[in-house]
C-alpha atoms as a PDB file:
ATOM      1  CA  MET A   1      46.643 -38.930 -30.615  1.00  0.00           C
ATOM      2  CA  GLU A   2      48.594 -35.691 -30.215  1.00  0.00           C
ATOM      3  CA  PHE A   3      46.013 -33.906 -32.373  1.00  0.00           C
ATOM      4  CA  GLN A   4      43.160 -35.145 -30.148  1.00  0.00           C
ATOM      5  CA  LYS A   5      45.019 -33.894 -27.075  1.00  0.00           C
ATOM      6  CA  VAL A   6      45.454 -30.445 -28.621  1.00  0.00           C
ATOM      7  CA  VAL A   7      41.777 -30.295 -29.576  1.00  0.00           C
ATOM      8  CA  TYR A   8      40.745 -31.413 -26.082  1.00  0.00           C
ATOM      9  CA  ASN A   9      42.951 -28.799 -24.415  1.00  0.00           C
ATOM     10  CA  THR A  10      41.670 -26.088 -26.751  1.00  0.00           C
ATOM     11  CA  CYS A  11      38.037 -26.984 -26.085  1.00  0.00           C
ATOM     12  CA  THR A  12      38.662 -27.134 -22.349  1.00  0.00           C
ATOM     13  CA  GLN A  13      40.252 -23.705 -22.395  1.00  0.00           C
ATOM     14  CA  PHE A  14      37.360 -22.327 -24.467  1.00  0.00           C
ATOM     15  CA  VAL A  15      34.757 -23.664 -22.025  1.00  0.00           C
ATOM     16  CA  LEU A  16      36.764 -22.290 -19.101  1.00  0.00           C
ATOM     17  CA  LEU A  17      37.016 -18.876 -20.746  1.00  0.00           C
ATOM     18  CA  CYS A  18      33.273 -18.876 -21.449  1.00  0.00           C
ATOM     19  CA  PHE A  19      32.585 -19.738 -17.813  1.00  0.00           C
ATOM     20  CA  ILE A  20      34.893 -16.971 -16.583  1.00  0.00           C
ATOM     21  CA  ALA A  21      33.329 -14.469 -18.975  1.00  0.00           C
ATOM     22  CA  LEU A  22      29.827 -15.462 -17.921  1.00  0.00           C
ATOM     23  CA  LYS A  23      30.785 -15.221 -14.256  1.00  0.00           C
ATOM     24  CA  ALA A  24      32.359 -11.803 -14.798  1.00  0.00           C
ATOM     25  CA  GLU A  25      29.277 -10.594 -16.676  1.00  0.00           C
ATOM     26  CA  ARG A  26      27.020 -11.710 -13.838  1.00  0.00           C
ATOM     27  CA  GLN A  27      29.218 -10.079 -11.234  1.00  0.00           C
ATOM     28  CA  SER A  28      29.356  -6.789 -13.138  1.00  0.00           C
ATOM     29  CA  ASP A  29      25.581  -6.701 -13.540  1.00  0.00           C
ATOM     30  CA  ASP A  30      24.727  -7.289  -9.891  1.00  0.00           C
ATOM     31  CA  GLY A  31      21.567  -5.205  -9.804  1.00  0.00           C
ATOM     32  CA  GLY A  32      23.134  -2.649  -7.501  1.00  0.00           C
ATOM     33  CA  GLY A  33      23.608  -5.289  -4.842  1.00  0.00           C
ATOM     34  CA  TRP A  34      19.871  -5.816  -4.473  1.00  0.00           C
ATOM     35  CA  SER A  35      19.930  -9.310  -5.913  1.00  0.00           C
ATOM     36  CA  VAL A  36      22.463 -12.103  -6.248  1.00  0.00           C
ATOM     37  CA  ILE A  37      22.615 -15.038  -8.658  1.00  0.00           C
ATOM     38  CA  SER A  38      21.011 -17.409  -6.157  1.00  0.00           C
ATOM     39  CA  ASP A  39      18.040 -15.093  -5.505  1.00  0.00           C
ATOM     40  CA  PHE A  40      14.547 -16.249  -6.439  1.00  0.00           C
ATOM     41  CA  ARG A  41      13.226 -14.441  -9.478  1.00  0.00           C
ATOM     42  CA  LEU A  42      10.372 -14.860 -11.941  1.00  0.00           C
ATOM     43  CA  GLN A  43      11.642 -15.680 -15.416  1.00  0.00           C
ATOM     44  CA  ASP A  44       8.500 -15.220 -17.527  1.00  0.00           C
ATOM     45  CA  GLU A  45       8.392 -11.636 -18.792  1.00  0.00           C
ATOM     46  CA  GLY A  46       5.279 -12.394 -20.824  1.00  0.00           C
ATOM     47  CA  PRO A  47       4.375 -10.793 -24.159  1.00  0.00           C
ATOM     48  CA  CYS A  48       4.630  -7.095 -24.908  1.00  0.00           C
ATOM     49  CA  ASN A  49       1.732  -5.522 -26.808  1.00  0.00           C
ATOM     50  CA  ILE A  50       2.454  -1.922 -25.808  1.00  0.00           C
ATOM     51  CA  ASP A  51       4.297   0.428 -28.155  1.00  0.00           C
ATOM     52  CA  VAL A  52       8.008   0.597 -27.247  1.00  0.00           C
ATOM     53  CA  LEU A  53       9.771   3.581 -28.819  1.00  0.00           C
ATOM     54  CA  ASP A  54      13.147   5.249 -28.783  1.00  0.00           C
ATOM     55  CA  SER A  55      12.428   8.655 -27.270  1.00  0.00           C
ATOM     56  CA  SER A  56      14.471  10.365 -29.974  1.00  0.00           C
ATOM     57  CA  LEU A  57      11.852   9.245 -32.492  1.00  0.00           C
ATOM     58  CA  LEU A  58       8.895  10.753 -30.622  1.00  0.00           C
ATOM     59  CA  SER A  59       8.470  14.497 -30.265  1.00  0.00           C
ATOM     60  CA  TYR A  60       6.520  16.065 -27.416  1.00  0.00           C
ATOM     61  CA  ARG A  61       3.742  17.000 -29.843  1.00  0.00           C
ATOM     62  CA  GLN A  62       3.524  13.414 -31.102  1.00  0.00           C
ATOM     63  CA  PHE A  63       3.423  12.158 -27.516  1.00  0.00           C
ATOM     64  CA  ILE A  64       0.478  14.436 -26.741  1.00  0.00           C
ATOM     65  CA  GLU A  65      -1.389  13.546 -29.935  1.00  0.00           C
ATOM     66  CA  ARG A  66      -0.822   9.774 -29.908  1.00  0.00           C
ATOM     67  CA  TYR A  67      -0.534   8.693 -26.272  1.00  0.00           C
ATOM     68  CA  ALA A  68      -1.071  11.290 -23.540  1.00  0.00           C
ATOM     69  CA  TYR A  69      -4.853  10.873 -23.376  1.00  0.00           C
ATOM     70  CA  SER A  70      -5.454   7.591 -25.142  1.00  0.00           C
ATOM     71  CA  ARG A  71      -3.016   4.727 -24.487  1.00  0.00           C
ATOM     72  CA  PRO A  72       0.166   3.727 -22.651  1.00  0.00           C
ATOM     73  CA  VAL A  73       3.616   3.801 -24.225  1.00  0.00           C
ATOM     74  CA  ILE A  74       7.138   2.736 -23.211  1.00  0.00           C
ATOM     75  CA  LEU A  75       9.969   5.122 -24.020  1.00  0.00           C
ATOM     76  CA  ARG A  76      13.653   4.226 -24.094  1.00  0.00           C
ATOM     77  CA  GLY A  77      16.451   6.685 -23.477  1.00  0.00           C
ATOM     78  CA  LEU A  78      14.100   9.418 -22.313  1.00  0.00           C
ATOM     79  CA  THR A  79      16.420  10.514 -19.492  1.00  0.00           C
ATOM     80  CA  ASP A  80      19.873   9.626 -18.184  1.00  0.00           C
ATOM     81  CA  ASN A  81      19.577   8.604 -14.529  1.00  0.00           C
ATOM     82  CA  THR A  82      23.012   7.036 -14.155  1.00  0.00           C
ATOM     83  CA  LYS A  83      23.846   9.108 -11.064  1.00  0.00           C
ATOM     84  CA  PHE A  84      20.491   8.389  -9.436  1.00  0.00           C
ATOM     85  CA  ARG A  85      20.944   4.687 -10.165  1.00  0.00           C
ATOM     86  CA  THR A  86      24.328   4.706  -8.427  1.00  0.00           C
ATOM     87  CA  LEU A  87      22.819   6.369  -5.358  1.00  0.00           C
ATOM     88  CA  CYS A  88      20.082   3.705  -5.290  1.00  0.00           C
ATOM     89  CA  SER A  89      22.520   0.814  -4.960  1.00  0.00           C
ATOM     90  CA  LYS A  90      21.895  -1.235  -1.832  1.00  0.00           C
ATOM     91  CA  SER A  91      25.067  -0.161  -0.048  1.00  0.00           C
ATOM     92  CA  ARG A  92      24.659   3.541  -0.812  1.00  0.00           C
ATOM     93  CA  LEU A  93      20.958   3.658   0.032  1.00  0.00           C
ATOM     94  CA  LEU A  94      21.339   1.831   3.345  1.00  0.00           C
ATOM     95  CA  GLU A  95      24.369   3.890   4.297  1.00  0.00           C
ATOM     96  CA  GLU A  96      22.464   7.138   3.770  1.00  0.00           C
ATOM     97  CA  TYR A  97      18.889   6.172   4.683  1.00  0.00           C
ATOM     98  CA  GLY A  98      19.095   2.861   6.580  1.00  0.00           C
ATOM     99  CA  GLU A  99      18.057   4.379   9.917  1.00  0.00           C
ATOM    100  CA  ARG A 100      15.238   6.474   8.483  1.00  0.00           C
ATOM    101  CA  ARG A 101      11.722   5.189   8.851  1.00  0.00           C
ATOM    102  CA  VAL A 102       9.706   4.238   5.803  1.00  0.00           C
ATOM    103  CA  ARG A 103       5.973   3.679   5.610  1.00  0.00           C
ATOM    104  CA  LEU A 104       4.797   0.290   4.381  1.00  0.00           C
ATOM    105  CA  SER A 105       1.333  -0.344   2.938  1.00  0.00           C
ATOM    106  CA  THR A 106      -0.541  -3.574   2.458  1.00  0.00           C
ATOM    107  CA  ALA A 107      -0.390  -4.665  -1.176  1.00  0.00           C
ATOM    108  CA  ASN A 108      -4.112  -4.833  -1.831  1.00  0.00           C
ATOM    109  CA  THR A 109      -6.350  -2.551  -3.849  1.00  0.00           C
ATOM    110  CA  TYR A 110      -7.292  -0.330  -0.932  1.00  0.00           C
ATOM    111  CA  SER A 111      -3.999  -0.397   1.056  1.00  0.00           C
ATOM    112  CA  TYR A 112      -5.613   0.468   4.383  1.00  0.00           C
ATOM    113  CA  LYS A 113      -2.924  -0.818   6.758  1.00  0.00           C
ATOM    114  CA  LYS A 114       0.206   1.284   7.286  1.00  0.00           C
ATOM    115  CA  VAL A 115       3.340   0.311   9.229  1.00  0.00           C
ATOM    116  CA  ASP A 116       6.431   2.459   9.878  1.00  0.00           C
ATOM    117  CA  VAL A 117       9.827   0.722  10.155  1.00  0.00           C
ATOM    118  CA  PRO A 118      13.468   1.732   9.574  1.00  0.00           C
ATOM    119  CA  LEU A 119      14.581   1.096   5.983  1.00  0.00           C
ATOM    120  CA  GLN A 120      17.273  -1.317   7.243  1.00  0.00           C
ATOM    121  CA  GLU A 121      14.610  -3.398   9.011  1.00  0.00           C
ATOM    122  CA  TYR A 122      12.439  -3.440   5.901  1.00  0.00           C
ATOM    123  CA  VAL A 123      15.356  -4.711   3.802  1.00  0.00           C
ATOM    124  CA  ASP A 124      16.425  -7.325   6.385  1.00  0.00           C
ATOM    125  CA  ILE A 125      12.985  -8.668   7.311  1.00  0.00           C
ATOM    126  CA  PHE A 126      10.277  -7.714   4.806  1.00  0.00           C
ATOM    127  CA  LEU A 127      12.146  -7.658   1.482  1.00  0.00           C
ATOM    128  CA  ARG A 128      11.617 -11.242   0.374  1.00  0.00           C
ATOM    129  CA  PRO A 129       9.937 -13.271  -2.385  1.00  0.00           C
ATOM    130  CA  GLN A 130       6.169 -13.578  -2.185  1.00  0.00           C
ATOM    131  CA  SER A 131       4.246 -16.822  -2.479  1.00  0.00           C
ATOM    132  CA  VAL A 132       1.133 -17.259  -4.594  1.00  0.00           C
ATOM    133  CA  ASP A 133      -1.204 -17.913  -1.660  1.00  0.00           C
ATOM    134  CA  THR A 134      -0.237 -14.793   0.313  1.00  0.00           C
ATOM    135  CA  LEU A 135      -3.112 -12.331   0.657  1.00  0.00           C
ATOM    136  CA  GLY A 136      -2.613  -8.698  -0.224  1.00  0.00           C
ATOM    137  CA  SER A 137      -3.572  -7.671   3.315  1.00  0.00           C
ATOM    138  CA  ASP A 138      -0.698  -9.807   4.651  1.00  0.00           C
ATOM    139  CA  THR A 139       1.927  -8.258   2.390  1.00  0.00           C
ATOM    140  CA  LEU A 140       3.706  -5.072   3.458  1.00  0.00           C
ATOM    141  CA  TYR A 141       5.056  -3.150   0.500  1.00  0.00           C
ATOM    142  CA  PHE A 142       7.337  -0.092   0.397  1.00  0.00           C
ATOM    143  CA  PHE A 143       6.027   2.200  -2.307  1.00  0.00           C
ATOM    144  CA  GLY A 144       4.754   5.725  -1.990  1.00  0.00           C
ATOM    145  CA  ASP A 145       4.138   7.508   1.301  1.00  0.00           C
ATOM    146  CA  ASN A 146       7.659   8.949   0.991  1.00  0.00           C
ATOM    147  CA  ASN A 147       8.493  11.879   3.218  1.00  0.00           C
ATOM    148  CA  PHE A 148       9.706  14.226   0.495  1.00  0.00           C
ATOM    149  CA  THR A 149      11.747  16.353   2.904  1.00  0.00           C
ATOM    150  CA  GLU A 150      13.730  13.375   4.190  1.00  0.00           C
ATOM    151  CA  TRP A 151      14.243  11.911   0.725  1.00  0.00           C
ATOM    152  CA  GLN A 152      14.828  15.186  -1.106  1.00  0.00           C
ATOM    153  CA  SER A 153      18.612  14.744  -1.174  1.00  0.00           C
ATOM    154  CA  LEU A 154      18.034  11.573  -3.228  1.00  0.00           C
ATOM    155  CA  PHE A 155      15.194  12.872  -5.396  1.00  0.00           C
ATOM    156  CA  ASP A 156      17.294  15.919  -6.337  1.00  0.00           C
ATOM    157  CA  TYR A 157      19.358  13.576  -8.534  1.00  0.00           C
ATOM    158  CA  TYR A 158      16.388  12.020 -10.325  1.00  0.00           C
ATOM    159  CA  LYS A 159      15.688  13.309 -13.816  1.00  0.00           C
ATOM    160  CA  SER A 160      11.966  12.939 -14.311  1.00  0.00           C
ATOM    161  CA  PRO A 161      10.437  12.390 -17.767  1.00  0.00           C
ATOM    162  CA  PRO A 162      10.314  15.737 -19.616  1.00  0.00           C
ATOM    163  CA  TYR A 163       7.013  15.035 -21.366  1.00  0.00           C
ATOM    164  CA  VAL A 164       4.428  16.395 -18.918  1.00  0.00           C
ATOM    165  CA  LEU A 165       0.771  17.088 -19.518  1.00  0.00           C
ATOM    166  CA  PRO A 166      -0.410  20.694 -19.727  1.00  0.00           C
ATOM    167  CA  HIS A 167      -1.284  22.244 -16.344  1.00  0.00           C
ATOM    168  CA  THR A 168       0.209  19.372 -14.318  1.00  0.00           C
ATOM    169  CA  SER A 169       3.249  18.894 -12.111  1.00  0.00           C
ATOM    170  CA  GLY A 170       4.983  15.718 -10.982  1.00  0.00           C
ATOM    171  CA  ALA A 171       5.023  14.039  -7.556  1.00  0.00           C
ATOM    172  CA  TYR A 172       7.485  11.215  -6.880  1.00  0.00           C
ATOM    173  CA  SER A 173       6.745   7.840  -5.355  1.00  0.00           C
ATOM    174  CA  PHE A 174       9.765   5.650  -4.622  1.00  0.00           C
ATOM    175  CA  GLY A 175       9.812   1.958  -3.790  1.00  0.00           C
ATOM    176  CA  ILE A 176      11.792  -1.227  -3.201  1.00  0.00           C
ATOM    177  CA  ALA A 177      10.198  -4.682  -3.382  1.00  0.00           C
ATOM    178  CA  GLY A 178      11.003  -8.375  -3.659  1.00  0.00           C
ATOM    179  CA  PRO A 179      10.208 -10.767  -6.520  1.00  0.00           C
ATOM    180  CA  GLY A 180       6.576 -11.819  -6.763  1.00  0.00           C
ATOM    181  CA  THR A 181       5.338  -8.640  -5.080  1.00  0.00           C
ATOM    182  CA  GLY A 182       3.343  -5.864  -6.701  1.00  0.00           C
ATOM    183  CA  VAL A 183       0.092  -3.982  -6.450  1.00  0.00           C
ATOM    184  CA  PRO A 184      -3.207  -5.410  -7.741  1.00  0.00           C
ATOM    185  CA  PHE A 185      -5.492  -3.579 -10.136  1.00  0.00           C
ATOM    186  CA  HIS A 186      -6.348   0.010  -9.292  1.00  0.00           C
ATOM    187  CA  TRP A 187      -6.519   3.342 -11.099  1.00  0.00           C
ATOM    188  CA  HIS A 188      -5.625   6.986 -10.521  1.00  0.00           C
ATOM    189  CA  GLY A 189      -4.333   9.929 -12.515  1.00  0.00           C
ATOM    190  CA  PRO A 190      -1.704   9.756 -15.290  1.00  0.00           C
ATOM    191  CA  GLY A 191       1.961   9.170 -14.659  1.00  0.00           C
ATOM    192  CA  TYR A 192       5.250   7.480 -15.426  1.00  0.00           C
ATOM    193  CA  SER A 193       6.974   4.436 -13.966  1.00  0.00           C
ATOM    194  CA  GLU A 194      10.697   3.773 -14.191  1.00  0.00           C
ATOM    195  CA  VAL A 195      12.655   0.757 -12.944  1.00  0.00           C
ATOM    196  CA  ILE A 196      16.083   1.607 -11.513  1.00  0.00           C
ATOM    197  CA  TYR A 197      17.086  -1.986 -10.736  1.00  0.00           C
ATOM    198  CA  GLY A 198      15.275  -5.210 -11.596  1.00  0.00           C
ATOM    199  CA  ARG A 199      12.284  -5.810 -13.868  1.00  0.00           C
ATOM    200  CA  LYS A 200       8.603  -4.943 -13.445  1.00  0.00           C
ATOM    201  CA  ARG A 201       5.771  -6.526 -15.430  1.00  0.00           C
ATOM    202  CA  TRP A 202       2.753  -4.308 -16.111  1.00  0.00           C
ATOM    203  CA  PHE A 203      -0.869  -5.199 -16.916  1.00  0.00           C
ATOM    204  CA  LEU A 204      -3.229  -2.421 -18.056  1.00  0.00           C
ATOM    205  CA  TYR A 205      -6.863  -1.962 -19.111  1.00  0.00           C
ATOM    206  CA  PRO A 206      -8.620   1.171 -20.438  1.00  0.00           C
ATOM    207  CA  PRO A 207     -10.967   3.023 -18.053  1.00  0.00           C
ATOM    208  CA  ASP A 208     -14.127   1.468 -19.522  1.00  0.00           C
ATOM    209  CA  GLN A 209     -12.852  -2.119 -19.188  1.00  0.00           C
ATOM    210  CA  GLU A 210     -12.670  -3.029 -15.511  1.00  0.00           C
ATOM    211  CA  PRO A 211     -10.648  -6.233 -15.066  1.00  0.00           C
ATOM    212  CA  HIS A 212     -11.879  -9.235 -13.085  1.00  0.00           C
ATOM    213  CA  PHE A 213      -9.892  -9.458  -9.851  1.00  0.00           C
ATOM    214  CA  HIS A 214     -10.298  -9.870  -6.112  1.00  0.00           C
ATOM    215  CA  PRO A 215      -9.143  -6.741  -4.256  1.00  0.00           C
ATOM    216  CA  ASN A 216      -7.328  -8.785  -1.604  1.00  0.00           C
ATOM    217  CA  ARG A 217      -5.597 -11.198  -3.985  1.00  0.00           C
ATOM    218  CA  THR A 218      -2.121 -10.322  -5.187  1.00  0.00           C
ATOM    219  CA  THR A 219      -1.055  -9.727  -8.769  1.00  0.00           C
ATOM    220  CA  LEU A 220       0.955 -12.959  -8.615  1.00  0.00           C
ATOM    221  CA  SER A 221      -2.114 -15.019  -7.717  1.00  0.00           C
ATOM    222  CA  TRP A 222      -4.130 -13.226 -10.441  1.00  0.00           C
ATOM    223  CA  LEU A 223      -1.397 -14.070 -12.953  1.00  0.00           C
ATOM    224  CA  MET A 224      -1.336 -17.741 -11.959  1.00  0.00           C
ATOM    225  CA  GLU A 225      -5.081 -18.318 -11.507  1.00  0.00           C
ATOM    226  CA  THR A 226      -7.068 -15.824 -13.610  1.00  0.00           C
ATOM    227  CA  TYR A 227      -4.783 -14.646 -16.398  1.00  0.00           C
ATOM    228  CA  PRO A 228      -4.390 -18.077 -18.138  1.00  0.00           C
ATOM    229  CA  ASN A 229      -8.167 -18.402 -18.476  1.00  0.00           C
ATOM    230  CA  LEU A 230      -8.929 -14.951 -19.853  1.00  0.00           C
ATOM    231  CA  PRO A 231     -10.762 -14.910 -23.192  1.00  0.00           C
ATOM    232  CA  GLU A 232      -8.947 -13.021 -25.913  1.00  0.00           C
ATOM    233  CA  VAL A 233     -11.278 -10.020 -25.670  1.00  0.00           C
ATOM    234  CA  GLU A 234     -10.347  -9.621 -21.986  1.00  0.00           C
ATOM    235  CA  ALA A 235      -6.597  -9.850 -22.458  1.00  0.00           C
ATOM    236  CA  PRO A 236      -4.732  -6.870 -20.971  1.00  0.00           C
ATOM    237  CA  LEU A 237      -2.187  -4.603 -22.513  1.00  0.00           C
ATOM    238  CA  GLU A 238       1.074  -5.720 -20.949  1.00  0.00           C
ATOM    239  CA  CYS A 239       4.836  -5.491 -21.023  1.00  0.00           C
ATOM    240  CA  THR A 240       7.876  -5.872 -18.774  1.00  0.00           C
ATOM    241  CA  ILE A 241      10.037  -2.799 -18.274  1.00  0.00           C
ATOM    242  CA  ARG A 242      13.744  -2.785 -17.457  1.00  0.00           C
ATOM    243  CA  PRO A 243      16.234  -0.098 -16.393  1.00  0.00           C
ATOM    244  CA  GLY A 244      16.450   2.617 -19.045  1.00  0.00           C
ATOM    245  CA  GLU A 245      12.779   2.278 -19.970  1.00  0.00           C
ATOM    246  CA  VAL A 246       9.918   4.500 -18.801  1.00  0.00           C
ATOM    247  CA  LEU A 247       6.266   3.486 -19.018  1.00  0.00           C
ATOM    248  CA  TYR A 248       3.596   6.176 -19.363  1.00  0.00           C
ATOM    249  CA  PHE A 249      -0.009   5.378 -18.357  1.00  0.00           C
ATOM    250  CA  PRO A 250      -2.938   7.745 -19.087  1.00  0.00           C
ATOM    251  CA  ASP A 251      -5.537   9.006 -16.639  1.00  0.00           C
ATOM    252  CA  HIS A 252      -7.912   6.456 -15.056  1.00  0.00           C
ATOM    253  CA  TRP A 253      -6.313   3.422 -16.706  1.00  0.00           C
ATOM    254  CA  TRP A 254      -6.584   0.243 -14.644  1.00  0.00           C
ATOM    255  CA  HIS A 255      -3.162  -1.240 -13.920  1.00  0.00           C
ATOM    256  CA  ALA A 256      -1.451  -3.894 -11.837  1.00  0.00           C
ATOM    257  CA  THR A 257       2.264  -4.563 -11.403  1.00  0.00           C
ATOM    258  CA  LEU A 258       4.470  -7.557 -10.665  1.00  0.00           C
ATOM    259  CA  ASN A 259       8.137  -7.307  -9.691  1.00  0.00           C
ATOM    260  CA  LEU A 260      10.035 -10.132 -11.367  1.00  0.00           C
ATOM    261  CA  ASP A 261      13.238  -9.478  -9.402  1.00  0.00           C
ATOM    262  CA  THR A 262      14.144  -7.588  -6.278  1.00  0.00           C
ATOM    263  CA  SER A 263      13.414  -4.174  -7.759  1.00  0.00           C
ATOM    264  CA  VAL A 264      14.021  -0.508  -7.074  1.00  0.00           C
ATOM    265  CA  PHE A 265      11.619   1.818  -8.878  1.00  0.00           C
ATOM    266  CA  ILE A 266      10.155   5.300  -8.961  1.00  0.00           C
ATOM    267  CA  SER A 267       6.941   6.749 -10.349  1.00  0.00           C
ATOM    268  CA  THR A 268       6.110  10.304 -11.316  1.00  0.00           C
ATOM    269  CA  PHE A 269       2.422  11.046 -10.819  1.00  0.00           C
ATOM    270  CA  LEU A 270       1.081  13.958 -12.848  1.00  0.00           C
ATOM    271  CA  GLY A 271      -1.535  15.980 -11.004  1.00  0.00           C
END
């Protein structure tokens, strides 16, 4: 009987310690204050059929020869943006930029509608999970349209990917968005995407393979309604990127994105 009591007490203490450790781990990895444990988030990261490489194993020459003009790649450890990440925490960003106006765009392929609001208002009112039946034209999304002069003090701390294409320079596009949001399929010039907080799922097609999508339907609705029924030959290249990973996409590649969590992210467009 005494032995059973000792075993019971030991097991109870072990479970309690595990719970405390798990709680501490969750508190320490709070996503910069942008999300809490109770927040809605999408759990399915999907498959990853894009090359994921440690940047130390890929030289600039190899990048140019293998990926720059032909296919996307995800690189880990390409830059150290620890300082930039700290400055992008919710408290720091709102303290410094909360009263500044940001330009929101509708999250459809053409993004015609633009609305200017203070960053604090965007975070308090617009930064929320998106439902499947919401149209792209009804979703206001903060990404791009950044006034570089006003945001320069922040961008000065960002270390952009060092692998650039010949005769190009980088232009930054910074964003914050809730889970379930994203931009539907579109294309433009080459560039990089990096997640500072959260996770972002990417879907890509080569320039000669235009995906089937409705320009005013969101990526979330495409994922739920179209994606499951795609024949194998129409399956996209896809992967979910996390902080510390940078995705490169070549020129004219179709791509759509889906934020799985409340996410902070930045792209470097090469033009």
